[in-house]
PDB file of N, CA and C in Angstrom:
ATOM      1  N   MET A   1     110.131 119.039  60.149  1.00  0.00           N
ATOM      2  CA  MET A   1     110.333 120.471  60.196  1.00  0.00           C
ATOM      3  C   MET A   1     111.549 120.789  61.044  1.00  0.00           C
ATOM      4  N   SER A   2     112.321 121.710  60.587  1.00  0.00           N
ATOM      5  CA  SER A   2     113.473 122.142  61.369  1.00  0.00           C
ATOM      6  C   SER A   2     113.036 123.246  62.336  1.00  0.00           C
ATOM      7  N   THR A   3     113.934 123.605  63.206  1.00  0.00           N
ATOM      8  CA  THR A   3     113.650 124.660  64.177  1.00  0.00           C
ATOM      9  C   THR A   3     113.385 125.995  63.488  1.00  0.00           C
ATOM     10  N   PHE A   4     114.136 126.270  62.440  1.00  0.00           N
ATOM     11  CA  PHE A   4     113.965 127.550  61.747  1.00  0.00           C
ATOM     12  C   PHE A   4     112.651 127.595  60.971  1.00  0.00           C
ATOM     13  N   GLU A   5     112.203 126.466  60.445  1.00  0.00           N
ATOM     14  CA  GLU A   5     110.908 126.430  59.761  1.00  0.00           C
ATOM     15  C   GLU A   5     109.769 126.662  60.745  1.00  0.00           C
ATOM     16  N   VAL A   6     109.877 126.045  61.937  1.00  0.00           N
ATOM     17  CA  VAL A   6     108.863 126.276  62.978  1.00  0.00           C
ATOM     18  C   VAL A   6     108.871 127.740  63.387  1.00  0.00           C
ATOM     19  N   LEU A   7     110.043 128.316  63.517  1.00  0.00           N
ATOM     20  CA  LEU A   7     110.159 129.723  63.894  1.00  0.00           C
ATOM     21  C   LEU A   7     109.533 130.630  62.838  1.00  0.00           C
ATOM     22  N   ASP A   8     109.774 130.341  61.569  1.00  0.00           N
ATOM     23  CA  ASP A   8     109.190 131.156  60.494  1.00  0.00           C
ATOM     24  C   ASP A   8     107.683 130.983  60.408  1.00  0.00           C
ATOM     25  N   ARG A   9     107.209 129.762  60.592  1.00  0.00           N
ATOM     26  CA  ARG A   9     105.784 129.494  60.377  1.00  0.00           C
ATOM     27  C   ARG A   9     104.914 129.885  61.566  1.00  0.00           C
ATOM     28  N   TYR A  10     105.361 129.545  62.791  1.00  0.00           N
ATOM     29  CA  TYR A  10     104.509 129.754  63.971  1.00  0.00           C
ATOM     30  C   TYR A  10     104.962 130.895  64.875  1.00  0.00           C
ATOM     31  N   GLY A  11     106.183 131.312  64.766  1.00  0.00           N
ATOM     32  CA  GLY A  11     106.653 132.445  65.562  1.00  0.00           C
ATOM     33  C   GLY A  11     107.486 132.019  66.760  1.00  0.00           C
ATOM     34  N   THR A  12     108.032 133.043  67.393  1.00  0.00           N
ATOM     35  CA  THR A  12     108.937 132.820  68.520  1.00  0.00           C
ATOM     36  C   THR A  12     108.218 132.238  69.726  1.00  0.00           C
ATOM     37  N   TRP A  13     107.008 132.722  69.995  1.00  0.00           N
ATOM     38  CA  TRP A  13     106.290 132.267  71.188  1.00  0.00           C
ATOM     39  C   TRP A  13     105.935 130.793  71.109  1.00  0.00           C
ATOM     40  N   ALA A  14     105.607 130.299  69.953  1.00  0.00           N
ATOM     41  CA  ALA A  14     105.312 128.869  69.807  1.00  0.00           C
ATOM     42  C   ALA A  14     106.557 128.037  70.078  1.00  0.00           C
ATOM     43  N   LEU A  15     107.690 128.516  69.607  1.00  0.00           N
ATOM     44  CA  LEU A  15     108.944 127.805  69.838  1.00  0.00           C
ATOM     45  C   LEU A  15     109.313 127.820  71.320  1.00  0.00           C
ATOM     46  N   ILE A  16     109.100 128.955  71.971  1.00  0.00           N
ATOM     47  CA  ILE A  16     109.391 129.059  73.404  1.00  0.00           C
ATOM     48  C   ILE A  16     108.446 128.176  74.212  1.00  0.00           C
ATOM     49  N   ARG A  17     107.157 128.168  73.852  1.00  0.00           N
ATOM     50  CA  ARG A  17     106.204 127.295  74.551  1.00  0.00           C
ATOM     51  C   ARG A  17     106.587 125.831  74.408  1.00  0.00           C
ATOM     52  N   HIS A  18     106.999 125.443  73.219  1.00  0.00           N
ATOM     53  CA  HIS A  18     107.408 124.061  72.998  1.00  0.00           C
ATOM     54  C   HIS A  18     108.654 123.726  73.821  1.00  0.00           C
ATOM     55  N   LEU A  19     109.604 124.633  73.865  1.00  0.00           N
ATOM     56  CA  LEU A  19     110.812 124.421  74.652  1.00  0.00           C
ATOM     57  C   LEU A  19     110.481 124.289  76.136  1.00  0.00           C
ATOM     58  N   ILE A  20     109.592 125.129  76.628  1.00  0.00           N
ATOM     59  CA  ILE A  20     109.187 125.058  78.038  1.00  0.00           C
ATOM     60  C   ILE A  20     108.488 123.736  78.324  1.00  0.00           C
ATOM     61  N   THR A  21     107.656 123.284  77.405  1.00  0.00           N
ATOM     62  CA  THR A  21     106.954 122.012  77.601  1.00  0.00           C
ATOM     63  C   THR A  21     107.932 120.844  77.645  1.00  0.00           C
ATOM     64  N   VAL A  22     108.904 120.850  76.765  1.00  0.00           N
ATOM     65  CA  VAL A  22     109.899 119.770  76.754  1.00  0.00           C
ATOM     66  C   VAL A  22     110.733 119.805  78.032  1.00  0.00           C
ATOM     67  N   LEU A  23     111.128 120.983  78.479  1.00  0.00           N
ATOM     68  CA  LEU A  23     111.906 121.097  79.712  1.00  0.00           C
ATOM     69  C   LEU A  23     111.093 120.670  80.929  1.00  0.00           C
ATOM     70  N   LEU A  24     109.815 120.999  80.961  1.00  0.00           N
ATOM     71  CA  LEU A  24     108.949 120.560  82.051  1.00  0.00           C
ATOM     72  C   LEU A  24     108.814 119.041  82.057  1.00  0.00           C
ATOM     73  N   PHE A  25     108.659 118.457  80.887  1.00  0.00           N
ATOM     74  CA  PHE A  25     108.575 117.004  80.759  1.00  0.00           C
ATOM     75  C   PHE A  25     109.843 116.338  81.297  1.00  0.00           C
ATOM     76  N   LEU A  26     110.997 116.847  80.903  1.00  0.00           N
ATOM     77  CA  LEU A  26     112.258 116.273  81.376  1.00  0.00           C
ATOM     78  C   LEU A  26     112.441 116.463  82.880  1.00  0.00           C
ATOM     79  N   THR A  27     112.050 117.617  83.395  1.00  0.00           N
ATOM     80  CA  THR A  27     112.171 117.880  84.827  1.00  0.00           C
ATOM     81  C   THR A  27     111.304 116.931  85.639  1.00  0.00           C
ATOM     82  N   LEU A  28     110.076 116.720  85.200  1.00  0.00           N
ATOM     83  CA  LEU A  28     109.192 115.809  85.926  1.00  0.00           C
ATOM     84  C   LEU A  28     109.729 114.383  85.926  1.00  0.00           C
ATOM     85  N   HIS A  29     110.293 113.961  84.824  1.00  0.00           N
ATOM     86  CA  HIS A  29     110.843 112.611  84.781  1.00  0.00           C
ATOM     87  C   HIS A  29     112.114 112.490  85.613  1.00  0.00           C
ATOM     88  N   LEU A  30     112.900 113.541  85.686  1.00  0.00           N
ATOM     89  CA  LEU A  30     114.081 113.495  86.545  1.00  0.00           C
ATOM     90  C   LEU A  30     113.703 113.518  88.023  1.00  0.00           C
ATOM     91  N   LEU A  31     112.616 114.187  88.365  1.00  0.00           N
ATOM     92  CA  LEU A  31     112.137 114.176  89.749  1.00  0.00           C
ATOM     93  C   LEU A  31     111.521 112.832  90.120  1.00  0.00           C
ATOM     94  N   ARG A  32     111.045 112.108  89.139  1.00  0.00           N
ATOM     95  CA  ARG A  32     110.400 110.824  89.387  1.00  0.00           C
ATOM     96  C   ARG A  32     111.409 109.742  89.760  1.00  0.00           C
ATOM     97  N   ILE A  33     112.621 109.833  89.273  1.00  0.00           N
ATOM     98  CA  ILE A  33     113.615 108.776  89.479  1.00  0.00           C
ATOM     99  C   ILE A  33     113.910 108.531  90.968  1.00  0.00           C
ATOM    100  N   PRO A  34     114.198 109.556  91.791  1.00  0.00           N
ATOM    101  CA  PRO A  34     114.441 109.268  93.211  1.00  0.00           C
ATOM    102  C   PRO A  34     113.217 108.692  93.917  1.00  0.00           C
ATOM    103  N   LEU A  35     112.032 109.121  93.527  1.00  0.00           N
ATOM    104  CA  LEU A  35     110.826 108.582  94.157  1.00  0.00           C
ATOM    105  C   LEU A  35     110.652 107.104  93.840  1.00  0.00           C
ATOM    106  N   VAL A  36     110.964 106.711  92.631  1.00  0.00           N
ATOM    107  CA  VAL A  36     110.874 105.297  92.261  1.00  0.00           C
ATOM    108  C   VAL A  36     111.905 104.489  93.037  1.00  0.00           C
ATOM    109  N   LEU A  37     113.112 105.012  93.176  1.00  0.00           N
ATOM    110  CA  LEU A  37     114.144 104.299  93.929  1.00  0.00           C
ATOM    111  C   LEU A  37     113.766 104.153  95.401  1.00  0.00           C
ATOM    112  N   ILE A  38     113.206 105.202  95.981  1.00  0.00           N
ATOM    113  CA  ILE A  38     112.767 105.136  97.381  1.00  0.00           C
ATOM    114  C   ILE A  38     111.663 104.102  97.543  1.00  0.00           C
ATOM    115  N   SER A  39     110.735 104.053  96.602  1.00  0.00           N
ATOM    116  CA  SER A  39     109.649 103.077  96.709  1.00  0.00           C
ATOM    117  C   SER A  39     110.167 101.650  96.555  1.00  0.00           C
ATOM    118  N   ARG A  40     111.180 101.444  95.714  1.00  0.00           N
ATOM    119  CA  ARG A  40     111.758 100.099  95.570  1.00  0.00           C
ATOM    120  C   ARG A  40     112.461  99.663  96.855  1.00  0.00           C
ATOM    121  N   VAL A  41     113.193 100.575  97.489  1.00  0.00           N
ATOM    122  CA  VAL A  41     113.863 100.246  98.748  1.00  0.00           C
ATOM    123  C   VAL A  41     112.832  99.954  99.828  1.00  0.00           C
ATOM    124  N   LEU A  42     111.794 100.766  99.901  1.00  0.00           N
ATOM    125  CA  LEU A  42     110.738 100.556 100.882  1.00  0.00           C
ATOM    126  C   LEU A  42     110.034  99.226 100.657  1.00  0.00           C
ATOM    127  N   GLU A  43     109.818  98.863  99.404  1.00  0.00           N
ATOM    128  CA  GLU A  43     109.201  97.581  99.092  1.00  0.00           C
ATOM    129  C   GLU A  43     110.077  96.425  99.572  1.00  0.00           C
ATOM    130  N   GLY A  44     111.380  96.523  99.373  1.00  0.00           N
ATOM    131  CA  GLY A  44     112.287  95.469  99.829  1.00  0.00           C
ATOM    132  C   GLY A  44     112.295  95.332 101.340  1.00  0.00           C
ATOM    133  N   VAL A  45     112.307  96.464 102.046  1.00  0.00           N
ATOM    134  CA  VAL A  45     112.293  96.434 103.512  1.00  0.00           C
ATOM    135  C   VAL A  45     110.990  95.828 104.019  1.00  0.00           C
ATOM    136  N   MET A  46     109.870  96.224 103.433  1.00  0.00           N
ATOM    137  CA  MET A  46     108.581  95.681 103.863  1.00  0.00           C
ATOM    138  C   MET A  46     108.479  94.189 103.562  1.00  0.00           C
ATOM    139  N   ARG A  47     109.063  93.751 102.450  1.00  0.00           N
ATOM    140  CA  ARG A  47     109.047  92.330 102.116  1.00  0.00           C
ATOM    141  C   ARG A  47     109.848  91.522 103.138  1.00  0.00           C
ATOM    142  N   GLU A  48     110.999  92.050 103.565  1.00  0.00           N
ATOM    143  CA  GLU A  48     111.799  91.352 104.574  1.00  0.00           C
ATOM    144  C   GLU A  48     111.084  91.322 105.924  1.00  0.00           C
ATOM    145  N   LEU A  49     110.444  92.429 106.297  1.00  0.00           N
ATOM    146  CA  LEU A  49     109.683  92.448 107.549  1.00  0.00           C
ATOM    147  C   LEU A  49     108.526  91.459 107.508  1.00  0.00           C
ATOM    148  N   ASP A  50     107.870  91.357 106.375  1.00  0.00           N
ATOM    149  CA  ASP A  50     106.771  90.409 106.230  1.00  0.00           C
ATOM    150  C   ASP A  50     107.279  88.976 106.329  1.00  0.00           C
ATOM    151  N   ARG A  51     108.423  88.709 105.711  1.00  0.00           N
ATOM    152  CA  ARG A  51     109.002  87.365 105.782  1.00  0.00           C
ATOM    153  C   ARG A  51     109.369  87.020 107.223  1.00  0.00           C
ATOM    154  N   TYR A  52     109.943  87.968 107.955  1.00  0.00           N
ATOM    155  CA  TYR A  52     110.308  87.737 109.348  1.00  0.00           C
ATOM    156  C   TYR A  52     109.070  87.511 110.211  1.00  0.00           C
ATOM    157  N   ALA A  53     108.037  88.336 110.027  1.00  0.00           N
ATOM    158  CA  ALA A  53     106.815  88.192 110.824  1.00  0.00           C
ATOM    159  C   ALA A  53     106.115  86.875 110.516  1.00  0.00           C
ATOM    160  N   THR A  54     106.121  86.458 109.261  1.00  0.00           N
ATOM    161  CA  THR A  54     105.500  85.188 108.895  1.00  0.00           C
ATOM    162  C   THR A  54     106.259  84.026 109.510  1.00  0.00           C
ATOM    163  N   ALA A  55     107.580  84.098 109.511  1.00  0.00           N
ATOM    164  CA  ALA A  55     108.380  83.029 110.117  1.00  0.00           C
ATOM    165  C   ALA A  55     108.145  82.967 111.621  1.00  0.00           C
ATOM    166  N   GLN A  56     108.012  84.115 112.266  1.00  0.00           N
ATOM    167  CA  GLN A  56     107.762  84.120 113.704  1.00  0.00           C
ATOM    168  C   GLN A  56     106.373  83.588 114.035  1.00  0.00           C
ATOM    169  N   ALA A  57     105.395  83.922 113.229  1.00  0.00           N
ATOM    170  CA  ALA A  57     104.022  83.502 113.516  1.00  0.00           C
ATOM    171  C   ALA A  57     103.796  82.033 113.191  1.00  0.00           C
ATOM    172  N   SER A  58     104.525  81.482 112.249  1.00  0.00           N
ATOM    173  CA  SER A  58     104.287  80.092 111.864  1.00  0.00           C
ATOM    174  C   SER A  58     105.161  79.114 112.637  1.00  0.00           C
ATOM    175  N   ARG A  59     106.036  79.607 113.494  1.00  0.00           N
ATOM    176  CA  ARG A  59     106.868  78.734 114.321  1.00  0.00           C
ATOM    177  C   ARG A  59     105.993  78.083 115.397  1.00  0.00           C
ATOM    178  N   PRO A  60     106.181  76.785 115.671  1.00  0.00           N
ATOM    179  CA  PRO A  60     105.357  76.149 116.711  1.00  0.00           C
ATOM    180  C   PRO A  60     105.680  76.740 118.085  1.00  0.00           C
ATOM    181  N   ARG A  61     104.643  76.856 118.894  1.00  0.00           N
ATOM    182  CA  ARG A  61     104.809  77.443 120.220  1.00  0.00           C
ATOM    183  C   ARG A  61     105.482  76.451 121.151  1.00  0.00           C
ATOM    184  N   ARG A  62     106.306  76.981 122.032  1.00  0.00           N
ATOM    185  CA  ARG A  62     106.941  76.120 123.030  1.00  0.00           C
ATOM    186  C   ARG A  62     105.949  75.884 124.161  1.00  0.00           C
ATOM    187  N   ARG A  63     105.942  74.657 124.646  1.00  0.00           N
ATOM    188  CA  ARG A  63     105.047  74.333 125.760  1.00  0.00           C
ATOM    189  C   ARG A  63     105.680  74.819 127.053  1.00  0.00           C
ATOM    190  N   ARG A  64     104.985  75.669 127.740  1.00  0.00           N
ATOM    191  CA  ARG A  64     105.457  76.187 129.017  1.00  0.00           C
ATOM    192  C   ARG A  64     104.475  75.762 130.103  1.00  0.00           C
ATOM    193  N   PRO A  65     104.970  75.650 131.302  1.00  0.00           N
ATOM    194  CA  PRO A  65     104.034  75.310 132.382  1.00  0.00           C
ATOM    195  C   PRO A  65     103.061  76.459 132.640  1.00  0.00           C
ATOM    196  N   VAL A  66     101.874  76.099 133.071  1.00  0.00           N
ATOM    197  CA  VAL A  66     100.859  77.107 133.344  1.00  0.00           C
ATOM    198  C   VAL A  66     101.253  77.925 134.567  1.00  0.00           C
ATOM    199  N   ASN A  67     101.791  77.266 135.585  1.00  0.00           N
ATOM    200  CA  ASN A  67     102.176  77.939 136.807  1.00  0.00           C
ATOM    201  C   ASN A  67     103.655  78.289 136.705  1.00  0.00           C
ATOM    202  N   ASN A  68     103.965  79.567 136.520  1.00  0.00           N
ATOM    203  CA  ASN A  68     105.350  79.988 136.375  1.00  0.00           C
ATOM    204  C   ASN A  68     106.091  80.084 137.704  1.00  0.00           C
ATOM    205  N   PHE A  69     105.375  79.993 138.837  1.00  0.00           N
ATOM    206  CA  PHE A  69     106.021  80.117 140.133  1.00  0.00           C
ATOM    207  C   PHE A  69     106.694  78.822 140.558  1.00  0.00           C
ATOM    208  N   PHE A  70     106.170  77.688 140.099  1.00  0.00           N
ATOM    209  CA  PHE A  70     106.727  76.397 140.485  1.00  0.00           C
ATOM    210  C   PHE A  70     107.110  75.625 139.231  1.00  0.00           C
ATOM    211  N   PRO A  71     108.313  75.854 138.732  1.00  0.00           N
ATOM    212  CA  PRO A  71     108.700  75.135 137.513  1.00  0.00           C
ATOM    213  C   PRO A  71     108.837  73.644 137.772  1.00  0.00           C
ATOM    214  N   THR A  72     108.522  72.868 136.792  1.00  0.00           N
ATOM    215  CA  THR A  72     108.599  71.413 136.968  1.00  0.00           C
ATOM    216  C   THR A  72     109.814  70.851 136.281  1.00  0.00           C
TER     217      THR A  72
END
């Protein structure tokens, strides 16, 4: 169906409602793009922090003397 056939068959309000629905759909998807990018950046930062924390926790501990006042 062409736009003019829809206009003749269903009227102006149906065409306007459809246009508003399509514009709302496009607006929501355009608003979604920055949120997805922010979540991807946040995921990368959290992955690097996790890698750093895991490396720090799995490193063997250095043996230190119990008495810090009299080093040996």
